[in-house]
N, C-alpha and C. Protein backbone atom coordinates (compact mmCIF):
# COMPACT_ATOMS: atom_id res chain seq x y z
N GLU A 1 100.36 75.13 87.50
CA GLU A 1 99.04 75.18 87.53
C GLU A 1 98.32 76.17 86.58
N LEU A 2 97.39 76.19 86.14
CA LEU A 2 96.35 77.14 85.38
C LEU A 2 96.44 78.30 85.94
N TRP A 3 95.78 78.63 87.40
CA TRP A 3 96.28 79.94 87.94
C TRP A 3 97.59 80.64 87.81
N ASP A 4 98.70 79.75 87.80
CA ASP A 4 99.96 80.58 87.63
C ASP A 4 99.91 81.06 86.39
N GLN A 5 99.23 81.02 85.54
CA GLN A 5 99.24 81.40 84.06
C GLN A 5 98.76 82.51 83.87
N ALA A 6 97.79 82.93 84.92
CA ALA A 6 96.72 84.00 84.79
C ALA A 6 96.70 85.27 85.66
N PRO A 7 97.86 85.80 85.63
CA PRO A 7 97.82 87.33 86.43
C PRO A 7 96.64 87.86 86.42
N ASP A 8 95.90 87.99 85.49
CA ASP A 8 94.79 89.14 85.34
C ASP A 8 93.70 88.26 86.26
N ALA A 9 93.50 86.86 86.24
CA ALA A 9 92.28 86.50 86.71
C ALA A 9 92.86 86.33 88.40
N ILE A 10 93.77 86.24 88.83
CA ILE A 10 94.06 86.35 90.01
C ILE A 10 93.73 87.68 90.77
N MET A 11 94.12 88.99 89.84
CA MET A 11 93.82 90.18 90.41
C MET A 11 92.41 90.49 90.11
N HIS A 12 91.58 89.83 89.37
CA HIS A 12 90.29 90.19 89.28
C HIS A 12 89.65 89.47 90.43
N LEU A 13 90.20 88.44 91.02
CA LEU A 13 89.39 87.65 91.99
C LEU A 13 90.00 88.40 93.57
N LEU A 14 91.17 88.87 93.32
CA LEU A 14 91.42 89.69 94.50
C LEU A 14 90.66 90.92 94.52
N ARG A 15 90.19 91.83 93.66
CA ARG A 15 89.69 92.91 93.33
C ARG A 15 87.84 92.54 93.83
N HIS A 16 87.50 91.45 93.24
CA HIS A 16 85.90 91.43 93.19
C HIS A 16 85.71 90.09 94.06
N ALA A 17 86.24 89.49 94.69
CA ALA A 17 85.95 88.13 95.34
C ALA A 17 84.94 88.75 96.75
N ARG A 18 83.93 87.73 96.91
CA ARG A 18 83.18 88.52 97.99
C ARG A 18 83.50 87.77 99.30
N SER A 19 84.37 86.55 99.27
CA SER A 19 84.45 85.82 100.35
C SER A 19 85.86 86.03 100.53
N SER A 20 86.34 85.97 101.80
CA SER A 20 87.72 85.79 102.27
C SER A 20 88.44 84.74 102.12
N GLU A 21 87.61 83.48 101.68
CA GLU A 21 88.42 82.57 101.26
C GLU A 21 89.01 82.26 99.94
N ALA A 22 88.13 83.14 99.24
CA ALA A 22 88.61 83.40 97.82
C ALA A 22 89.86 84.26 97.60
N GLN A 23 89.51 85.52 98.43
CA GLN A 23 90.78 86.21 98.49
C GLN A 23 92.28 85.74 99.05
N GLN A 24 92.01 84.99 99.98
CA GLN A 24 93.18 84.47 100.51
C GLN A 24 93.75 83.35 99.65
N PHE A 25 92.96 82.55 98.89
CA PHE A 25 93.31 81.82 97.69
C PHE A 25 94.21 82.72 96.53
N ALA A 26 93.89 83.63 96.16
CA ALA A 26 94.10 84.53 95.20
C ALA A 26 95.53 85.09 95.85
N LEU A 27 95.48 85.51 96.99
CA LEU A 27 96.43 86.01 97.56
C LEU A 27 97.85 84.85 97.57
N ARG A 28 97.45 83.64 97.98
CA ARG A 28 98.58 82.57 98.03
C ARG A 28 99.16 82.37 96.45
N VAL A 29 98.12 82.40 95.68
CA VAL A 29 98.66 82.01 94.33
C VAL A 29 99.60 83.32 93.51
N TRP A 30 99.17 84.42 94.12
CA TRP A 30 99.67 85.60 93.88
C TRP A 30 101.51 85.61 94.35
N ARG A 31 101.39 85.35 95.49
CA ARG A 31 102.81 85.35 96.45
C ARG A 31 103.60 84.35 95.77
N ALA A 32 103.02 83.26 95.68
CA ALA A 32 103.72 81.88 94.77
C ALA A 32 104.51 82.30 93.52
N ASN A 33 103.99 83.14 93.21
CA ASN A 33 104.43 83.77 91.67
C ASN A 33 105.39 84.97 91.76
N PRO A 34 106.44 84.85 91.96
CA PRO A 34 107.25 86.02 91.76
C PRO A 34 107.29 86.58 90.67
N SER A 35 107.03 85.91 89.52
CA SER A 35 107.38 86.23 87.88
C SER A 35 106.13 87.08 87.75
N PHE A 36 105.31 87.61 88.70
CA PHE A 36 103.90 88.48 88.40
C PHE A 36 104.75 89.69 88.81
N LEU A 37 104.51 90.91 87.88
CA LEU A 37 105.21 92.13 88.42
C LEU A 37 104.46 93.20 88.19
N ASP A 38 104.56 94.23 88.77
CA ASP A 38 103.94 95.53 88.83
C ASP A 38 104.18 96.17 87.66
N GLU A 39 102.99 96.82 86.92
CA GLU A 39 103.41 97.90 85.99
C GLU A 39 102.11 98.71 85.70
N ALA A 40 102.44 99.93 85.23
CA ALA A 40 101.45 100.78 84.77
C ALA A 40 100.51 100.39 83.64
N ILE A 41 99.13 100.52 83.98
CA ILE A 41 98.30 100.44 82.89
C ILE A 41 97.81 101.71 82.11
N ALA A 42 98.24 102.61 82.95
CA ALA A 42 97.80 104.10 82.33
C ALA A 42 98.61 104.81 82.16
N ASP A 43 98.85 105.82 81.77
CA ASP A 43 99.53 107.10 82.19
C ASP A 43 99.52 107.67 83.52
N ILE A 44 100.38 107.72 84.20
CA ILE A 44 100.64 108.35 85.71
C ILE A 44 101.36 109.62 85.81
N PRO A 45 100.62 110.64 85.91
CA PRO A 45 101.63 111.84 86.31
C PRO A 45 102.25 111.76 87.28
N ALA A 46 103.36 112.60 87.48
CA ALA A 46 104.08 112.84 88.53
C ALA A 46 103.07 113.38 89.85
N GLY A 47 103.03 112.65 90.97
CA GLY A 47 102.36 113.06 92.21
C GLY A 47 101.12 112.23 92.17
N ALA A 48 100.94 111.69 91.44
CA ALA A 48 99.34 110.88 91.53
C ALA A 48 99.38 109.85 92.36
N THR A 49 98.40 109.26 92.69
CA THR A 49 98.40 108.28 93.89
C THR A 49 98.23 106.89 92.84
N LEU A 50 98.83 106.11 93.22
CA LEU A 50 98.85 104.87 92.82
C LEU A 50 97.39 103.90 93.43
N ASP A 51 96.91 103.60 92.32
CA ASP A 51 95.54 102.54 92.82
C ASP A 51 95.33 101.70 91.72
N MET A 52 94.04 100.94 91.97
CA MET A 52 94.11 99.61 91.02
C MET A 52 93.71 100.14 89.77
N SER A 53 93.56 101.47 89.25
CA SER A 53 92.97 101.78 88.16
C SER A 53 94.41 102.26 87.07
N ASN A 54 95.39 102.22 87.99
CA ASN A 54 96.81 102.74 86.99
C ASN A 54 97.75 101.62 87.11
N ILE A 55 97.66 100.69 87.96
CA ILE A 55 98.60 99.73 88.17
C ILE A 55 98.12 98.57 88.40
N TRP A 56 98.78 97.48 87.71
CA TRP A 56 98.47 95.86 87.58
C TRP A 56 99.63 94.99 87.89
N VAL A 57 99.32 93.73 87.85
CA VAL A 57 100.29 93.03 87.71
C VAL A 57 100.38 92.27 86.53
N LYS A 58 101.67 92.14 85.95
CA LYS A 58 101.87 91.45 84.53
C LYS A 58 102.75 90.83 84.46
N ARG A 59 103.08 89.84 83.58
CA ARG A 59 104.49 89.16 83.24
C ARG A 59 104.96 89.54 81.78
N PRO A 60 106.05 89.46 81.49
CA PRO A 60 107.09 88.26 82.53
C PRO A 60 107.83 89.40 83.81
N GLY A 61 108.30 88.41 84.56
CA GLY A 61 108.77 89.25 86.07
C GLY A 61 110.38 89.53 85.85
N THR A 62 110.53 90.68 85.10
CA THR A 62 111.71 91.11 84.80
C THR A 62 112.02 92.60 85.39
N GLY A 63 111.13 92.93 86.00
CA GLY A 63 110.75 94.23 86.72
C GLY A 63 111.48 94.33 88.04
N GLU A 64 111.67 95.42 88.52
CA GLU A 64 112.30 95.45 89.72
C GLU A 64 111.09 95.33 90.95
N ILE A 65 110.15 95.74 90.86
CA ILE A 65 108.97 95.76 91.91
C ILE A 65 108.26 94.30 91.41
N ARG A 66 108.15 93.56 92.39
CA ARG A 66 107.44 92.16 92.01
C ARG A 66 105.78 92.28 92.75
N ALA A 67 105.11 91.25 92.12
CA ALA A 67 103.80 91.35 92.70
C ALA A 67 103.51 91.11 94.10
N GLU A 68 104.52 90.27 94.93
CA GLU A 68 104.18 90.60 96.09
C GLU A 68 104.05 92.29 96.82
N SER A 69 104.66 93.07 96.09
CA SER A 69 104.68 94.44 96.56
C SER A 69 103.42 95.25 96.19
N PHE A 70 102.51 94.67 95.66
CA PHE A 70 101.28 95.28 95.01
C PHE A 70 100.43 96.12 95.92
N LYS A 71 100.04 95.20 97.10
CA LYS A 71 99.25 96.09 97.79
C LYS A 71 99.85 97.29 98.62
N GLY A 72 101.03 97.19 98.84
CA GLY A 72 102.07 98.03 99.59
C GLY A 72 102.25 99.42 98.58
N LEU A 73 102.10 99.28 97.72
CA LEU A 73 102.21 100.18 96.52
C LEU A 73 100.83 101.14 96.73
N LEU A 74 99.64 100.58 97.00
CA LEU A 74 98.31 101.26 96.41
C LEU A 74 98.67 102.52 97.77
N GLY A 75 97.96 103.49 97.19
CA GLY A 75 97.66 104.61 97.83
C GLY A 75 99.03 105.32 98.03
N ARG A 76 100.18 104.82 97.72
CA ARG A 76 101.55 105.67 97.75
C ARG A 76 101.41 106.66 96.42
N THR A 77 102.31 107.55 96.56
CA THR A 77 102.40 108.56 95.12
C THR A 77 103.60 108.19 94.42
N VAL A 78 103.72 108.93 93.11
CA VAL A 78 104.68 108.56 92.64
C VAL A 78 105.63 109.93 92.24
N ARG A 79 106.94 110.11 92.20
CA ARG A 79 107.70 111.01 92.12
C ARG A 79 107.88 111.68 90.73
N THR A 80 107.78 110.79 89.61
CA THR A 80 107.74 111.50 88.21
C THR A 80 106.85 110.68 87.70
N ALA A 81 106.57 111.09 86.47
CA ALA A 81 105.39 110.51 85.44
C ALA A 81 105.99 109.08 85.23
N ILE A 82 105.11 108.42 85.09
CA ILE A 82 105.37 107.05 84.29
C ILE A 82 104.30 106.84 83.25
N ALA A 83 105.04 106.28 82.37
CA ALA A 83 104.20 106.01 81.12
C ALA A 83 103.36 104.64 81.01
N LYS A 84 102.30 104.59 80.38
CA LYS A 84 101.52 103.25 80.45
C LYS A 84 102.28 102.15 80.15
N ASP A 85 102.08 101.21 80.20
CA ASP A 85 103.10 99.95 80.27
C ASP A 85 104.43 99.54 80.44
N SER A 86 104.98 100.80 81.42
CA SER A 86 105.82 100.73 82.05
C SER A 86 106.25 100.22 83.08
N GLN A 87 107.18 99.28 83.32
CA GLN A 87 107.51 98.62 84.57
C GLN A 87 108.03 99.87 85.66
N LEU A 88 107.43 99.43 86.83
CA LEU A 88 107.71 100.40 88.21
C LEU A 88 108.98 100.17 88.45
N SER A 89 109.45 100.98 89.30
CA SER A 89 110.74 101.01 89.93
C SER A 89 110.56 102.10 91.40
N TRP A 90 111.23 101.13 92.07
CA TRP A 90 111.16 101.85 93.51
C TRP A 90 111.57 103.53 93.63
N SER A 91 112.75 103.92 92.68
CA SER A 91 112.92 105.13 92.55
C SER A 91 111.92 106.09 92.22
N GLU A 92 110.97 105.72 91.54
CA GLU A 92 109.72 106.47 90.92
C GLU A 92 108.57 106.59 92.26
N ILE A 93 108.79 105.94 92.94
CA ILE A 93 107.69 105.78 94.07
C ILE A 93 108.07 106.59 95.40
N ALA A 94 107.48 107.68 95.79
CA ALA A 94 107.51 108.54 97.03
C ALA A 94 107.13 107.65 98.12
C-alpha cells in the first residue's frame, strides 16, 4: 500500500493527528512495517535525551532498532554521541 512506502508521512500523522482514530491507524501501519527503522536526524551529544527532534523512522530497515521501538526510545538518554543520519543501536541507549 501507499502508506507502507511513506514512513515520514506516518510519523507526521502520529505527531500531528488530532483524532485518536488517525493516531491508531498510523500506529497500525507503523507496526506492520518492520522495515521502518530508527535513525538520528540530528547530531546527538552523549547524555542527550532522545525526542522527535533528534530521531526519526527511516528506510531501509537494516538497523538494529526497529520502528516498533520508537515510542519506547523517546525520553531515554544516549551513552555516546551519535552522528546525524546514523542508525541507532541498543548499546548507545541508556
